[in-house]
């Protein structure tokens, strides 16, 4: 996809993180215009080829003016390697940064908001889940048209340990009492997640949509 008519103008927070650093090169290859919000100390980590805005994702005033002309804001700021004991970080970083992006997108009239949430309901990671549920509510309250992706755990470099759980997942999916939960909380690969995000960015919705684990997996298989 290289035609100017089909290219999007994207603004990405969390551009140097686990997802952002892999997503941006894919988007640039496909002809999209990408602007990355980064702190000064992270400029060198930004993938080559995108524009850079220096700012603080927790402070809306540092980047809201840079959203003029943007059609899609992709919010990817989050605590690295989430764990149950990182509740204070989820409350201090994940939640406030999402709220800042939501407010900025609304103020600038951004057409499409892309947010990586988490599979729901879930028996563990209560603080992580609570913050993302609050942010999904804030997206709706702001009147934004959004794509909300709900993975449970994304397998990839440095994130392979859940592979040991695959036999358990296979067993749980065989029983009707546990099948739905095992499917909803299934593992997705980084390739599947990126494929789903690229698809979501290139197919602007008319209303907010939620992409769950089974659909994330299907999109990955279609784009191998």
Protein backbone atom coordinates (compact mmCIF):
# COMPACT_ATOMS: atom_id res chain seq x y z
CA UNK A 1 0.00 0.00 0.00
CA UNK A 2 1.90 3.02 -1.25
CA UNK A 3 -0.67 5.34 -2.78
CA UNK A 4 -1.00 8.75 -1.17
CA UNK A 5 -4.80 8.42 -1.18
CA UNK A 6 -4.66 5.44 1.16
CA UNK A 7 -1.90 6.72 3.45
CA UNK A 8 -2.77 7.79 6.99
CA UNK A 9 -1.31 10.48 9.21
CA UNK A 10 -0.51 8.78 12.50
CA UNK A 11 0.58 9.99 15.92
CA UNK A 12 2.05 7.30 18.17
CA UNK A 13 2.80 7.44 21.88
CA UNK A 14 5.06 4.79 23.38
CA UNK A 15 6.94 4.77 20.08
CA UNK A 16 10.13 3.24 21.45
CA UNK A 17 8.49 0.46 23.45
CA UNK A 18 7.89 -3.24 22.80
CA UNK A 19 5.04 -2.67 20.31
CA UNK A 20 5.81 0.82 19.05
CA UNK A 21 9.37 0.11 17.95
CA UNK A 22 8.12 -2.81 15.83
CA UNK A 23 4.91 -1.22 14.56
CA UNK A 24 6.38 2.03 13.23
CA UNK A 25 8.72 0.44 10.62
CA UNK A 26 5.78 -1.61 9.28
CA UNK A 27 3.65 1.50 8.93
CA UNK A 28 6.41 3.47 7.22
CA UNK A 29 6.98 0.62 4.76
CA UNK A 30 3.29 0.79 3.88
CA UNK A 31 3.45 4.48 3.04
CA UNK A 32 1.95 6.02 6.16
CA UNK A 33 3.16 9.27 7.71
CA UNK A 34 4.16 8.63 11.34
CA UNK A 35 4.88 11.12 14.11
CA UNK A 36 6.30 9.74 17.36
CA UNK A 37 5.89 11.38 20.76
CA UNK A 38 9.08 10.83 22.78
CA UNK A 39 11.00 12.25 25.67
CA UNK A 40 14.31 13.93 24.82
CA UNK A 41 16.37 11.06 26.24
CA UNK A 42 14.63 8.54 23.94
CA UNK A 43 15.03 10.34 20.60
CA UNK A 44 17.88 8.06 19.50
CA UNK A 45 15.62 5.01 19.89
CA UNK A 46 12.94 6.25 17.49
CA UNK A 47 12.73 4.14 14.31
CA UNK A 48 14.26 5.90 11.31
CA UNK A 49 11.88 7.66 8.97
CA UNK A 50 9.25 9.11 11.28
CA UNK A 51 8.83 12.62 12.58
CA UNK A 52 9.52 13.31 16.24
CA UNK A 53 7.66 15.42 18.77
CA UNK A 54 9.42 16.01 22.08
CA UNK A 55 6.93 15.84 24.90
CA UNK A 56 5.62 14.08 27.98
CA UNK A 57 2.79 11.59 27.41
CA UNK A 58 1.48 12.38 30.89
CA UNK A 59 1.10 16.08 30.09
CA UNK A 60 -1.49 16.85 27.43
CA UNK A 61 -0.25 20.40 26.84
CA UNK A 62 3.11 19.10 25.59
CA UNK A 63 1.65 17.42 22.50
CA UNK A 64 -1.99 18.35 21.88
CA UNK A 65 -1.06 21.05 19.36
CA UNK A 66 0.90 18.49 17.34
CA UNK A 67 -2.26 16.49 16.59
CA UNK A 68 -3.58 18.92 13.99
CA UNK A 69 -4.01 17.04 10.72
CA UNK A 70 -3.62 13.62 12.38
CA UNK A 71 -6.33 11.08 11.56
CA UNK A 72 -5.26 8.31 13.97
CA UNK A 73 -3.69 8.39 17.43
CA UNK A 74 -2.16 5.08 18.54
CA UNK A 75 -1.62 5.00 22.29
CA UNK A 76 1.07 2.51 23.35
CA UNK A 77 2.48 3.93 26.59
CA UNK A 78 2.52 1.31 29.31
CA UNK A 79 4.53 -0.29 32.09
CA UNK A 80 7.05 -2.79 30.62
CA UNK A 81 6.42 -6.48 31.40
CA UNK A 82 3.24 -6.01 33.45
CA UNK A 83 3.06 -8.02 36.66
CA UNK A 84 0.59 -8.16 39.58
CA UNK A 85 2.94 -6.22 41.88
CA UNK A 86 3.21 -3.26 39.49
CA UNK A 87 -0.15 -1.75 40.43
CA UNK A 88 1.34 1.61 41.50
CA UNK A 89 3.04 1.95 38.09
CA UNK A 90 -0.18 1.16 36.26
CA UNK A 91 -1.89 3.93 38.24
CA UNK A 92 0.98 6.40 37.84
CA UNK A 93 1.83 5.83 34.16
CA UNK A 94 -0.59 3.64 32.20
CA UNK A 95 -3.77 5.35 33.34
CA UNK A 96 -2.68 9.02 33.28
CA UNK A 97 -0.92 8.69 29.92
CA UNK A 98 -4.01 7.16 28.34
CA UNK A 99 -6.22 9.87 29.82
CA UNK A 100 -3.89 12.53 28.41
CA UNK A 101 -4.02 10.95 24.95
CA UNK A 102 -7.79 10.61 25.12
CA UNK A 103 -8.16 14.26 26.07
CA UNK A 104 -5.76 15.38 23.37
CA UNK A 105 -7.49 13.30 20.70
CA UNK A 106 -10.85 14.76 21.65
CA UNK A 107 -9.55 18.33 21.71
CA UNK A 108 -7.91 17.95 18.29
CA UNK A 109 -10.82 16.11 16.68
CA UNK A 110 -8.75 13.02 15.86
CA UNK A 111 -10.82 10.64 13.74
CA UNK A 112 -9.62 7.32 15.18
CA UNK A 113 -8.13 6.31 18.52
CA UNK A 114 -6.29 2.97 18.81
CA UNK A 115 -5.87 1.57 22.31
CA UNK A 116 -4.26 -1.65 23.52
CA UNK A 117 -6.31 -2.87 26.46
CA UNK A 118 -6.44 -6.38 27.95
CA UNK A 119 -8.69 -9.45 27.76
CA UNK A 120 -11.71 -9.19 30.06
CA UNK A 121 -12.72 -10.56 32.50
CA UNK A 122 -9.54 -12.05 33.93
CA UNK A 123 -8.82 -13.73 37.28
CA UNK A 124 -5.46 -12.06 37.95
CA UNK A 125 -3.68 -8.75 37.24
CA UNK A 126 -6.58 -6.90 38.89
CA UNK A 127 -4.94 -3.46 38.92
CA UNK A 128 -3.80 -3.80 35.32
CA UNK A 129 -7.31 -4.77 34.29
CA UNK A 130 -8.94 -2.04 36.38
CA UNK A 131 -6.85 0.71 34.81
CA UNK A 132 -7.65 -0.45 31.29
CA UNK A 133 -11.35 -0.78 32.01
CA UNK A 134 -11.31 2.81 33.28
CA UNK A 135 -9.51 3.96 30.14
CA UNK A 136 -11.99 2.16 27.88
CA UNK A 137 -14.75 3.96 29.75
CA UNK A 138 -12.98 7.28 29.26
CA UNK A 139 -12.70 6.64 25.50
CA UNK A 140 -16.46 6.11 25.33
CA UNK A 141 -17.20 9.13 27.52
CA UNK A 142 -15.04 11.33 25.28
CA UNK A 143 -17.10 10.29 22.27
CA UNK A 144 -14.08 8.99 20.36
CA UNK A 145 -14.35 6.41 17.62
CA UNK A 146 -11.83 3.80 18.64
CA UNK A 147 -10.34 0.42 18.00
CA UNK A 148 -9.71 -1.37 21.29
CA UNK A 149 -7.48 -4.43 21.08
CA UNK A 150 -7.66 -6.89 23.97
CA UNK A 151 -4.73 -9.32 24.02
CA UNK A 152 -3.88 -11.24 27.19
CA UNK A 153 -0.16 -11.93 26.74
CA UNK A 154 1.93 -11.13 23.66
CA UNK A 155 4.66 -13.66 22.89
CA UNK A 156 7.84 -12.26 21.40
CA UNK A 157 11.50 -11.45 22.07
CA UNK A 158 12.04 -11.50 25.81
CA UNK A 159 8.46 -12.64 26.35
CA UNK A 160 8.50 -16.38 25.71
CA UNK A 161 7.98 -17.90 29.17
CA UNK A 162 4.19 -18.48 28.74
CA UNK A 163 4.94 -21.05 26.04
CA UNK A 164 5.26 -23.48 28.95
CA UNK A 165 1.54 -22.97 29.55
CA UNK A 166 0.43 -24.14 26.09
CA UNK A 167 -0.34 -27.74 27.19
CA UNK A 168 -2.59 -26.35 29.93
CA UNK A 169 -4.37 -24.07 27.45
CA UNK A 170 -4.94 -27.01 25.14
CA UNK A 171 -6.47 -29.03 27.97
CA UNK A 172 -8.73 -26.22 29.19
CA UNK A 173 -10.03 -25.56 25.69
CA UNK A 174 -11.27 -29.15 25.47
CA UNK A 175 -13.81 -28.72 28.27
CA UNK A 176 -16.97 -26.66 27.88
CA UNK A 177 -16.70 -25.20 31.39
CA UNK A 178 -13.29 -23.67 30.68
CA UNK A 179 -13.26 -23.33 26.88
CA UNK A 180 -14.43 -19.71 26.67
CA UNK A 181 -12.04 -18.45 29.35
CA UNK A 182 -9.08 -20.30 27.85
CA UNK A 183 -9.86 -18.83 24.44
CA UNK A 184 -10.40 -15.29 25.74
CA UNK A 185 -7.17 -15.43 27.74
CA UNK A 186 -5.17 -17.16 25.03
CA UNK A 187 -1.67 -16.18 23.96
CA UNK A 188 -0.98 -14.17 20.80
CA UNK A 189 2.34 -13.67 19.05
CA UNK A 190 3.97 -10.33 18.34
CA UNK A 191 3.39 -11.00 14.63
CA UNK A 192 -0.33 -11.53 15.20
CA UNK A 193 -0.62 -8.42 17.34
CA UNK A 194 1.20 -6.21 14.85
CA UNK A 195 -0.88 -7.57 11.96
CA UNK A 196 -4.07 -6.75 13.86
CA UNK A 197 -2.85 -3.24 14.63
CA UNK A 198 -1.86 -2.52 11.04
CA UNK A 199 -5.25 -3.75 9.85
CA UNK A 200 -7.05 -1.61 12.42
CA UNK A 201 -5.09 1.49 11.42
CA UNK A 202 -5.75 0.98 7.72
CA UNK A 203 -9.48 0.26 8.17
CA UNK A 204 -11.00 3.20 10.00
CA UNK A 205 -14.23 2.17 11.75
CA UNK A 206 -17.56 3.98 11.68
CA UNK A 207 -18.06 3.18 15.36
CA UNK A 208 -15.92 1.85 18.18
CA UNK A 209 -14.94 -1.79 17.79
CA UNK A 210 -13.25 -4.29 20.11
CA UNK A 211 -10.80 -6.88 18.76
CA UNK A 212 -10.43 -9.89 21.05
CA UNK A 213 -7.81 -12.67 21.12
CA UNK A 214 -9.48 -14.99 18.53
CA UNK A 215 -9.67 -12.20 15.95
CA UNK A 216 -6.11 -11.05 16.66
CA UNK A 217 -4.98 -14.60 15.91
CA UNK A 218 -7.01 -14.78 12.69
CA UNK A 219 -5.49 -11.55 11.44
CA UNK A 220 -2.02 -12.90 12.08
CA UNK A 221 -2.73 -16.04 10.10
CA UNK A 222 -4.11 -14.03 7.17
CA UNK A 223 -0.95 -11.92 7.01
CA UNK A 224 1.77 -14.57 7.18
